[in-house]
Amino acid sequence: DLVICTDEPTKEKMIHAGIENATSLGFAADKDFYYREYQANKPRKYQIGFAGNLANIPQFQTRRALIRQLQKKYDVKVIEHHTFSGAAVGDFYQDCQLVLNHAIKDDLNMRVPEVLLSGRPLVTPNVTGIELQYKDSEHLFIYENNNIEELIDRLLAAPDQAELVAQQGQNWVL
């Protein structure tokens, strides 16, 4: 009777395949794991954090290349998401000035609401459907691959702007 997908591209594929009652419902995050009361002036250990999978398999090749590129210029701390519980990942996000997201496909993944709920500024790719749930520079920061360093430089130079958006993003997700 109803097919619920987590992203717009999959919903559109379902509709194109003749499933008329397809809709999308984006991911949410567990408040018990990720929510941290917003603290603007808390000292942060890392410039940029990433929690996720970097396994040496083809679908993560672009992600690994992006992380390596950024590590040449910034203090980027990476944790393998599967080695931590949700609460520990929320604590890790708190230690980061900015948190990086990278989608494997053109999808809006779970990292988006997790980071926003933790109250940290999120730098995420421009994936299909993101504009249906979030506003760039109001809830999070959207990058194209060719401007990510420019965006990060701007945010690190203007931490008040990044913090304002982090707070607004957290309020939006709540």
N, C-alpha and C. Protein backbone atom coordinates (compact mmCIF):
# COMPACT_ATOMS: atom_id res chain seq x y z
N ASP A 1 0.80 -1.21 0.00
CA ASP A 1 0.00 0.00 0.00
C ASP A 1 0.84 1.27 0.00
N LEU A 2 1.99 1.20 0.66
CA LEU A 2 2.84 2.38 0.77
C LEU A 2 4.30 1.95 0.84
N VAL A 3 5.15 2.64 0.09
CA VAL A 3 6.59 2.40 0.15
C VAL A 3 7.23 3.69 0.66
N ILE A 4 8.00 3.58 1.74
CA ILE A 4 8.68 4.74 2.30
C ILE A 4 10.18 4.56 2.07
N CYS A 5 10.77 5.52 1.39
CA CYS A 5 12.20 5.51 1.10
C CYS A 5 12.88 6.59 1.94
N THR A 6 14.17 6.47 2.13
CA THR A 6 14.87 7.47 2.94
C THR A 6 15.42 8.62 2.11
N ASP A 7 15.25 8.58 0.79
CA ASP A 7 15.76 9.67 -0.03
C ASP A 7 14.89 9.88 -1.26
N GLU A 8 14.97 11.07 -1.80
CA GLU A 8 14.17 11.45 -2.96
C GLU A 8 14.51 10.66 -4.23
N PRO A 9 15.80 10.42 -4.54
CA PRO A 9 16.09 9.67 -5.77
C PRO A 9 15.46 8.28 -5.78
N THR A 10 15.49 7.59 -4.64
CA THR A 10 14.89 6.26 -4.58
C THR A 10 13.37 6.35 -4.71
N LYS A 11 12.78 7.34 -4.07
CA LYS A 11 11.33 7.54 -4.19
C LYS A 11 10.95 7.74 -5.66
N GLU A 12 11.72 8.56 -6.36
CA GLU A 12 11.43 8.82 -7.77
C GLU A 12 11.58 7.55 -8.61
N LYS A 13 12.56 6.72 -8.29
CA LYS A 13 12.71 5.44 -9.00
C LYS A 13 11.50 4.55 -8.78
N MET A 14 10.99 4.52 -7.57
CA MET A 14 9.80 3.72 -7.25
C MET A 14 8.60 4.21 -8.04
N ILE A 15 8.41 5.51 -8.07
CA ILE A 15 7.28 6.09 -8.80
C ILE A 15 7.42 5.78 -10.29
N HIS A 16 8.63 5.92 -10.81
CA HIS A 16 8.90 5.63 -12.22
C HIS A 16 8.64 4.15 -12.53
N ALA A 17 8.84 3.28 -11.54
CA ALA A 17 8.61 1.84 -11.72
C ALA A 17 7.14 1.47 -11.57
N GLY A 18 6.29 2.47 -11.30
CA GLY A 18 4.87 2.20 -11.22
C GLY A 18 4.31 2.10 -9.81
N ILE A 19 5.11 2.36 -8.82
CA ILE A 19 4.64 2.34 -7.44
C ILE A 19 4.19 3.76 -7.10
N GLU A 20 2.91 4.00 -7.21
CA GLU A 20 2.38 5.35 -7.06
C GLU A 20 2.43 5.85 -5.63
N ASN A 21 2.28 4.97 -4.68
CA ASN A 21 2.23 5.37 -3.27
C ASN A 21 3.62 5.28 -2.63
N ALA A 22 4.56 5.95 -3.23
CA ALA A 22 5.92 6.02 -2.68
C ALA A 22 6.13 7.42 -2.12
N THR A 23 6.79 7.48 -1.02
CA THR A 23 7.11 8.77 -0.41
C THR A 23 8.49 8.66 0.24
N SER A 24 9.00 9.79 0.69
CA SER A 24 10.30 9.76 1.37
C SER A 24 10.14 10.30 2.79
N LEU A 25 10.92 9.76 3.65
CA LEU A 25 10.98 10.18 5.04
C LEU A 25 12.44 10.13 5.45
N GLY A 26 13.02 11.29 5.69
CA GLY A 26 14.44 11.35 6.00
C GLY A 26 14.77 10.70 7.34
N PHE A 27 16.04 10.44 7.51
CA PHE A 27 16.53 9.84 8.74
C PHE A 27 16.34 10.80 9.92
N ALA A 28 16.21 10.23 11.08
CA ALA A 28 16.22 10.97 12.33
C ALA A 28 17.41 10.46 13.14
N ALA A 29 17.65 11.03 14.30
CA ALA A 29 18.74 10.59 15.16
C ALA A 29 18.20 10.38 16.56
N ASP A 30 18.82 9.48 17.28
CA ASP A 30 18.40 9.14 18.64
C ASP A 30 18.88 10.23 19.60
N LYS A 31 17.95 10.91 20.20
CA LYS A 31 18.27 12.01 21.12
C LYS A 31 19.11 11.51 22.30
N ASP A 32 18.86 10.31 22.78
CA ASP A 32 19.63 9.77 23.91
C ASP A 32 21.10 9.59 23.56
N PHE A 33 21.40 9.31 22.31
CA PHE A 33 22.79 9.11 21.89
C PHE A 33 23.49 10.41 21.50
N TYR A 34 22.81 11.24 20.72
CA TYR A 34 23.50 12.34 20.05
C TYR A 34 23.26 13.73 20.62
N TYR A 35 22.16 13.95 21.29
CA TYR A 35 21.87 15.29 21.77
C TYR A 35 22.86 15.71 22.86
N ARG A 36 23.39 16.90 22.69
CA ARG A 36 24.22 17.54 23.70
C ARG A 36 23.71 18.97 23.80
N GLU A 37 23.54 19.46 25.01
CA GLU A 37 23.10 20.84 25.16
C GLU A 37 24.10 21.74 24.43
N TYR A 38 23.58 22.64 23.63
CA TYR A 38 24.43 23.51 22.81
C TYR A 38 25.35 24.35 23.69
N GLN A 39 26.65 24.34 23.36
CA GLN A 39 27.66 25.13 24.08
C GLN A 39 28.55 25.80 23.04
N ALA A 40 28.37 27.09 22.86
CA ALA A 40 29.11 27.82 21.82
C ALA A 40 30.59 27.95 22.12
N ASN A 41 30.95 28.19 23.37
CA ASN A 41 32.34 28.53 23.68
C ASN A 41 33.14 27.39 24.28
N LYS A 42 32.67 26.18 24.16
CA LYS A 42 33.39 25.03 24.67
C LYS A 42 34.67 24.83 23.84
N PRO A 43 35.81 24.59 24.49
CA PRO A 43 37.04 24.32 23.72
C PRO A 43 36.90 23.03 22.91
N ARG A 44 37.39 23.04 21.69
CA ARG A 44 37.30 21.87 20.79
C ARG A 44 38.71 21.35 20.53
N LYS A 45 38.86 20.04 20.50
CA LYS A 45 40.17 19.41 20.28
C LYS A 45 40.60 19.41 18.81
N TYR A 46 39.63 19.31 17.91
CA TYR A 46 39.94 19.11 16.49
C TYR A 46 39.27 20.18 15.64
N GLN A 47 39.94 20.55 14.54
CA GLN A 47 39.32 21.48 13.60
C GLN A 47 38.13 20.81 12.92
N ILE A 48 38.38 19.60 12.40
CA ILE A 48 37.36 18.90 11.63
C ILE A 48 37.30 17.45 12.12
N GLY A 49 36.10 16.94 12.25
CA GLY A 49 35.91 15.54 12.62
C GLY A 49 35.09 14.81 11.59
N PHE A 50 35.37 13.52 11.46
CA PHE A 50 34.57 12.65 10.60
C PHE A 50 34.41 11.32 11.31
N ALA A 51 33.17 10.87 11.46
CA ALA A 51 32.87 9.56 12.03
C ALA A 51 32.17 8.74 10.96
N GLY A 52 32.81 7.68 10.55
CA GLY A 52 32.20 6.85 9.51
C GLY A 52 33.14 5.78 9.05
N ASN A 53 32.77 5.13 7.98
CA ASN A 53 33.52 4.00 7.47
C ASN A 53 34.49 4.45 6.38
N LEU A 54 35.73 4.04 6.52
CA LEU A 54 36.75 4.32 5.49
C LEU A 54 37.36 3.02 4.97
N ALA A 55 36.60 1.93 5.04
CA ALA A 55 37.11 0.62 4.62
C ALA A 55 37.72 0.71 3.22
N ASN A 56 38.69 -0.12 2.99
CA ASN A 56 39.40 -0.13 1.71
C ASN A 56 38.60 -0.93 0.68
N ILE A 57 37.43 -0.41 0.35
CA ILE A 57 36.59 -1.01 -0.68
C ILE A 57 36.20 0.10 -1.65
N PRO A 58 35.87 -0.26 -2.90
CA PRO A 58 35.68 0.76 -3.94
C PRO A 58 34.70 1.87 -3.60
N GLN A 59 33.57 1.58 -2.95
CA GLN A 59 32.59 2.63 -2.71
C GLN A 59 33.06 3.71 -1.75
N PHE A 60 34.15 3.45 -1.01
CA PHE A 60 34.68 4.47 -0.10
C PHE A 60 35.92 5.18 -0.66
N GLN A 61 36.29 4.89 -1.89
CA GLN A 61 37.49 5.48 -2.48
C GLN A 61 37.43 7.00 -2.52
N THR A 62 36.32 7.56 -2.97
CA THR A 62 36.18 9.02 -3.05
C THR A 62 36.22 9.64 -1.67
N ARG A 63 35.57 9.00 -0.69
CA ARG A 63 35.57 9.49 0.69
C ARG A 63 37.00 9.52 1.24
N ARG A 64 37.73 8.43 1.05
CA ARG A 64 39.12 8.37 1.55
C ARG A 64 39.97 9.45 0.89
N ALA A 65 39.79 9.67 -0.40
CA ALA A 65 40.56 10.68 -1.12
C ALA A 65 40.24 12.08 -0.57
N LEU A 66 38.98 12.35 -0.31
CA LEU A 66 38.60 13.65 0.25
C LEU A 66 39.22 13.86 1.62
N ILE A 67 39.16 12.86 2.47
CA ILE A 67 39.76 12.96 3.82
C ILE A 67 41.26 13.22 3.71
N ARG A 68 41.94 12.45 2.85
CA ARG A 68 43.40 12.64 2.67
C ARG A 68 43.71 14.05 2.18
N GLN A 69 42.91 14.54 1.24
CA GLN A 69 43.10 15.91 0.72
C GLN A 69 42.98 16.92 1.85
N LEU A 70 41.95 16.80 2.67
CA LEU A 70 41.73 17.75 3.75
C LEU A 70 42.79 17.63 4.83
N GLN A 71 43.29 16.43 5.09
CA GLN A 71 44.32 16.24 6.12
C GLN A 71 45.64 16.91 5.76
N LYS A 72 45.85 17.22 4.51
CA LYS A 72 47.06 17.94 4.11
C LYS A 72 47.04 19.39 4.59
N LYS A 73 45.85 19.91 4.82
CA LYS A 73 45.70 21.32 5.17
C LYS A 73 45.14 21.55 6.56
N TYR A 74 44.35 20.61 7.07
CA TYR A 74 43.62 20.82 8.33
C TYR A 74 43.90 19.68 9.31
N ASP A 75 43.57 19.95 10.56
CA ASP A 75 43.58 18.92 11.60
C ASP A 75 42.26 18.15 11.49
N VAL A 76 42.29 17.01 10.80
CA VAL A 76 41.09 16.21 10.60
C VAL A 76 41.22 14.93 11.41
N LYS A 77 40.34 14.76 12.36
CA LYS A 77 40.31 13.55 13.18
C LYS A 77 39.22 12.63 12.64
N VAL A 78 39.60 11.39 12.38
CA VAL A 78 38.68 10.40 11.85
C VAL A 78 38.51 9.29 12.88
N ILE A 79 37.26 8.92 13.14
CA ILE A 79 37.01 7.73 13.94
C ILE A 79 36.14 6.79 13.11
N GLU A 80 36.43 5.53 13.23
CA GLU A 80 35.60 4.52 12.56
C GLU A 80 34.33 4.38 13.37
N HIS A 81 33.21 4.73 12.78
CA HIS A 81 31.93 4.79 13.48
C HIS A 81 31.59 3.46 14.16
N HIS A 82 31.94 2.34 13.54
CA HIS A 82 31.57 1.04 14.10
C HIS A 82 32.36 0.68 15.36
N THR A 83 33.39 1.43 15.68
CA THR A 83 34.18 1.13 16.89
C THR A 83 33.67 1.89 18.11
N PHE A 84 32.66 2.74 17.94
CA PHE A 84 32.11 3.54 19.03
C PHE A 84 30.61 3.33 19.10
N SER A 85 30.05 3.50 20.30
CA SER A 85 28.60 3.51 20.43
C SER A 85 28.09 4.89 20.03
N GLY A 86 26.78 5.02 19.85
CA GLY A 86 26.20 6.30 19.47
C GLY A 86 26.57 7.42 20.42
N ALA A 87 26.52 7.14 21.73
CA ALA A 87 26.83 8.18 22.71
C ALA A 87 28.28 8.63 22.59
N ALA A 88 29.19 7.72 22.33
CA ALA A 88 30.60 8.09 22.18
C ALA A 88 30.82 8.91 20.91
N VAL A 89 30.04 8.63 19.88
CA VAL A 89 30.14 9.43 18.65
C VAL A 89 29.63 10.84 18.92
N GLY A 90 28.55 10.96 19.67
CA GLY A 90 28.06 12.28 20.06
C GLY A 90 29.10 13.05 20.84
N ASP A 91 29.82 12.37 21.73
CA ASP A 91 30.90 13.01 22.48
C ASP A 91 32.02 13.46 21.54
N PHE A 92 32.35 12.61 20.56
CA PHE A 92 33.38 12.95 19.59
C PHE A 92 32.99 14.21 18.81
N TYR A 93 31.76 14.29 18.36
CA TYR A 93 31.32 15.48 17.63
C TYR A 93 31.52 16.73 18.46
N GLN A 94 31.32 16.63 19.76
CA GLN A 94 31.50 17.78 20.65
C GLN A 94 32.94 18.29 20.64
N ASP A 95 33.88 17.44 20.31
CA ASP A 95 35.30 17.81 20.29
C ASP A 95 35.73 18.46 18.98
N CYS A 96 34.80 18.68 18.06
CA CYS A 96 35.14 19.16 16.72
C CYS A 96 34.57 20.56 16.47
N GLN A 97 35.42 21.43 15.90
CA GLN A 97 34.92 22.75 15.48
C GLN A 97 33.90 22.59 14.36
N LEU A 98 34.21 21.73 13.41
CA LEU A 98 33.34 21.42 12.29
C LEU A 98 33.27 19.91 12.14
N VAL A 99 32.16 19.42 11.64
CA VAL A 99 32.05 17.99 11.35
C VAL A 99 31.78 17.84 9.86
N LEU A 100 32.51 16.91 9.25
CA LEU A 100 32.41 16.64 7.82
C LEU A 100 31.47 15.48 7.57
N ASN A 101 30.64 15.63 6.55
CA ASN A 101 29.85 14.52 6.06
C ASN A 101 30.28 14.24 4.63
N HIS A 102 30.24 12.98 4.25
CA HIS A 102 30.45 12.59 2.87
C HIS A 102 29.51 11.44 2.57
N ALA A 103 28.70 11.61 1.54
CA ALA A 103 27.75 10.57 1.15
C ALA A 103 28.40 9.62 0.15
N ILE A 104 28.14 8.34 0.32
CA ILE A 104 28.69 7.35 -0.61
C ILE A 104 28.01 7.48 -1.96
N LYS A 105 26.72 7.62 -1.93
CA LYS A 105 25.93 7.82 -3.14
C LYS A 105 25.32 9.22 -3.03
N ASP A 106 24.44 9.51 -3.91
CA ASP A 106 23.74 10.79 -3.88
C ASP A 106 22.58 10.68 -2.89
N ASP A 107 22.95 10.53 -1.59
CA ASP A 107 21.91 10.29 -0.60
C ASP A 107 22.11 11.13 0.65
N LEU A 108 21.01 11.39 1.31
CA LEU A 108 21.00 12.13 2.56
C LEU A 108 21.11 11.09 3.67
N ASN A 109 22.30 10.95 4.24
CA ASN A 109 22.55 9.86 5.18
C ASN A 109 22.25 10.22 6.63
N MET A 110 22.41 9.25 7.51
CA MET A 110 22.08 9.41 8.93
C MET A 110 23.00 10.39 9.65
N ARG A 111 24.20 10.59 9.11
CA ARG A 111 25.16 11.48 9.77
C ARG A 111 24.61 12.90 9.88
N VAL A 112 23.77 13.30 8.94
CA VAL A 112 23.25 14.67 8.94
C VAL A 112 22.45 14.96 10.22
N PRO A 113 21.38 14.24 10.51
CA PRO A 113 20.66 14.55 11.75
C PRO A 113 21.47 14.25 13.01
N GLU A 114 22.36 13.27 12.96
CA GLU A 114 23.19 12.96 14.14
C GLU A 114 24.06 14.15 14.52
N VAL A 115 24.75 14.72 13.54
CA VAL A 115 25.63 15.85 13.82
C VAL A 115 24.82 17.08 14.23
N LEU A 116 23.75 17.35 13.52
CA LEU A 116 22.93 18.51 13.86
C LEU A 116 22.37 18.38 15.27
N LEU A 117 21.92 17.21 15.64
CA LEU A 117 21.38 17.00 16.98
C LEU A 117 22.45 17.20 18.04
N SER A 118 23.69 16.90 17.70
CA SER A 118 24.79 17.09 18.66
C SER A 118 25.16 18.56 18.83
N GLY A 119 24.65 19.43 17.97
CA GLY A 119 24.89 20.86 18.12
C GLY A 119 26.21 21.33 17.52
N ARG A 120 26.69 20.63 16.51
CA ARG A 120 27.94 21.04 15.87
C ARG A 120 27.68 21.45 14.43
N PRO A 121 28.52 22.36 13.90
CA PRO A 121 28.36 22.79 12.51
C PRO A 121 28.71 21.64 11.56
N LEU A 122 27.84 21.39 10.62
CA LEU A 122 28.02 20.30 9.66
C LEU A 122 28.32 20.84 8.28
N VAL A 123 29.36 20.27 7.66
CA VAL A 123 29.75 20.56 6.29
C VAL A 123 29.41 19.30 5.50
N THR A 124 28.44 19.40 4.60
CA THR A 124 27.90 18.21 3.93
C THR A 124 27.78 18.43 2.43
N PRO A 125 27.82 17.37 1.64
CA PRO A 125 27.71 17.54 0.19
C PRO A 125 26.29 17.91 -0.23
N ASN A 126 26.22 18.48 -1.41
CA ASN A 126 24.94 18.86 -2.00
C ASN A 126 24.32 17.63 -2.66
N VAL A 127 23.54 16.88 -1.90
CA VAL A 127 22.91 15.66 -2.41
C VAL A 127 21.46 15.95 -2.79
N THR A 128 20.92 15.14 -3.66
CA THR A 128 19.54 15.30 -4.10
C THR A 128 18.59 15.25 -2.91
N GLY A 129 17.72 16.23 -2.82
CA GLY A 129 16.70 16.26 -1.79
C GLY A 129 17.09 16.96 -0.50
N ILE A 130 18.35 17.34 -0.34
CA ILE A 130 18.76 17.98 0.92
C ILE A 130 17.99 19.27 1.15
N GLU A 131 17.71 20.00 0.06
CA GLU A 131 17.03 21.28 0.19
C GLU A 131 15.57 21.11 0.61
N LEU A 132 15.04 19.90 0.55
CA LEU A 132 13.67 19.65 1.01
C LEU A 132 13.57 19.56 2.52
N GLN A 133 14.71 19.29 3.18
CA GLN A 133 14.70 19.15 4.64
C GLN A 133 15.52 20.22 5.37
N TYR A 134 16.57 20.73 4.71
CA TYR A 134 17.49 21.64 5.37
C TYR A 134 17.80 22.83 4.48
N LYS A 135 18.18 23.95 5.13
CA LYS A 135 18.56 25.14 4.38
C LYS A 135 20.06 25.40 4.58
N ASP A 136 20.74 25.59 3.44
CA ASP A 136 22.16 25.89 3.45
C ASP A 136 22.40 27.19 4.21
N SER A 137 23.41 27.19 5.04
CA SER A 137 23.84 28.35 5.85
C SER A 137 22.80 28.79 6.87
N GLU A 138 21.78 27.97 7.06
CA GLU A 138 20.82 28.20 8.14
C GLU A 138 20.80 27.02 9.10
N HIS A 139 20.87 25.78 8.56
CA HIS A 139 20.89 24.57 9.39
C HIS A 139 22.22 23.85 9.29
N LEU A 140 22.89 23.99 8.17
CA LEU A 140 24.14 23.30 7.88
C LEU A 140 24.83 24.03 6.74
N PHE A 141 25.99 23.52 6.34
CA PHE A 141 26.73 24.14 5.24
C PHE A 141 26.92 23.11 4.14
N ILE A 142 26.49 23.47 2.93
CA ILE A 142 26.56 22.56 1.80
C ILE A 142 27.76 22.90 0.93
N TYR A 143 28.50 21.85 0.57
CA TYR A 143 29.66 22.05 -0.31
C TYR A 143 29.50 21.30 -1.61
N GLU A 144 30.16 21.83 -2.61
CA GLU A 144 30.42 21.12 -3.86
C GLU A 144 31.89 20.70 -3.74
N ASN A 145 32.28 19.63 -4.40
CA ASN A 145 33.65 19.14 -4.23
C ASN A 145 34.70 20.19 -4.56
N ASN A 146 34.40 21.09 -5.49
CA ASN A 146 35.40 22.08 -5.89
C ASN A 146 35.48 23.28 -4.94
N ASN A 147 34.57 23.39 -3.96
CA ASN A 147 34.66 24.55 -3.07
C ASN A 147 34.77 24.18 -1.60
N ILE A 148 35.03 22.93 -1.28
CA ILE A 148 35.01 22.52 0.12
C ILE A 148 36.08 23.24 0.94
N GLU A 149 37.30 23.37 0.42
CA GLU A 149 38.35 24.04 1.18
C GLU A 149 38.04 25.52 1.38
N GLU A 150 37.50 26.15 0.37
CA GLU A 150 37.10 27.56 0.50
C GLU A 150 36.03 27.71 1.59
N LEU A 151 35.07 26.80 1.61
CA LEU A 151 34.02 26.84 2.63
C LEU A 151 34.60 26.61 4.02
N ILE A 152 35.45 25.61 4.17
CA ILE A 152 36.06 25.33 5.47
C ILE A 152 36.90 26.51 5.94
N ASP A 153 37.68 27.09 5.05
CA ASP A 153 38.49 28.27 5.42
C ASP A 153 37.60 29.39 5.93
N ARG A 154 36.49 29.62 5.25
CA ARG A 154 35.56 30.68 5.64
C ARG A 154 34.96 30.40 7.02
N LEU A 155 34.59 29.16 7.26
CA LEU A 155 33.97 28.80 8.55
C LEU A 155 34.97 28.85 9.70
N LEU A 156 36.19 28.42 9.46
CA LEU A 156 37.21 28.48 10.51
C LEU A 156 37.59 29.92 10.83
N ALA A 157 37.49 30.79 9.82
CA ALA A 157 37.80 32.21 10.03
C ALA A 157 36.63 32.97 10.66
N ALA A 158 35.44 32.40 10.60
CA ALA A 158 34.24 33.05 11.15
C ALA A 158 33.50 32.06 12.06
N PRO A 159 34.12 31.70 13.18
CA PRO A 159 33.50 30.68 14.04
C PRO A 159 32.13 31.09 14.58
N ASP A 160 31.88 32.39 14.75
CA ASP A 160 30.57 32.82 15.24
C ASP A 160 29.46 32.44 14.26
N GLN A 161 29.74 32.57 12.96
CA GLN A 161 28.75 32.19 11.95
C GLN A 161 28.51 30.67 12.00
N ALA A 162 29.59 29.91 12.10
CA ALA A 162 29.47 28.45 12.16
C ALA A 162 28.67 28.03 13.39
N GLU A 163 28.92 28.67 14.51
CA GLU A 163 28.22 28.33 15.75
C GLU A 163 26.74 28.71 15.69
N LEU A 164 26.43 29.83 15.08
CA LEU A 164 25.04 30.23 14.94
C LEU A 164 24.27 29.19 14.13
N VAL A 165 24.86 28.75 13.03
CA VAL A 165 24.21 27.74 12.19
C VAL A 165 24.12 26.41 12.93
N ALA A 166 25.13 26.07 13.73
CA ALA A 166 25.07 24.83 14.52
C ALA A 166 23.88 24.87 15.47
N GLN A 167 23.69 25.99 16.13
CA GLN A 167 22.58 26.13 17.07
C GLN A 167 21.23 26.07 16.34
N GLN A 168 21.15 26.74 15.22
CA GLN A 168 19.91 26.72 14.43
C GLN A 168 19.63 25.31 13.89
N GLY A 169 20.68 24.62 13.46
CA GLY A 169 20.52 23.25 12.97
C GLY A 169 20.03 22.32 14.06
N GLN A 170 20.58 22.47 15.25
CA GLN A 170 20.13 21.64 16.36
C GLN A 170 18.66 21.92 16.68
N ASN A 171 18.29 23.19 16.74
CA ASN A 171 16.90 23.54 17.01
C ASN A 171 15.97 22.96 15.94
N TRP A 172 16.40 23.01 14.69
CA TRP A 172 15.59 22.49 13.59
C TRP A 172 15.37 20.99 13.73
N VAL A 173 16.42 20.25 14.02
CA VAL A 173 16.31 18.80 14.15
C VAL A 173 15.45 18.44 15.37
N LEU A 174 15.62 19.17 16.44
CA LEU A 174 14.78 18.90 17.63
C LEU A 174 13.31 19.12 17.31
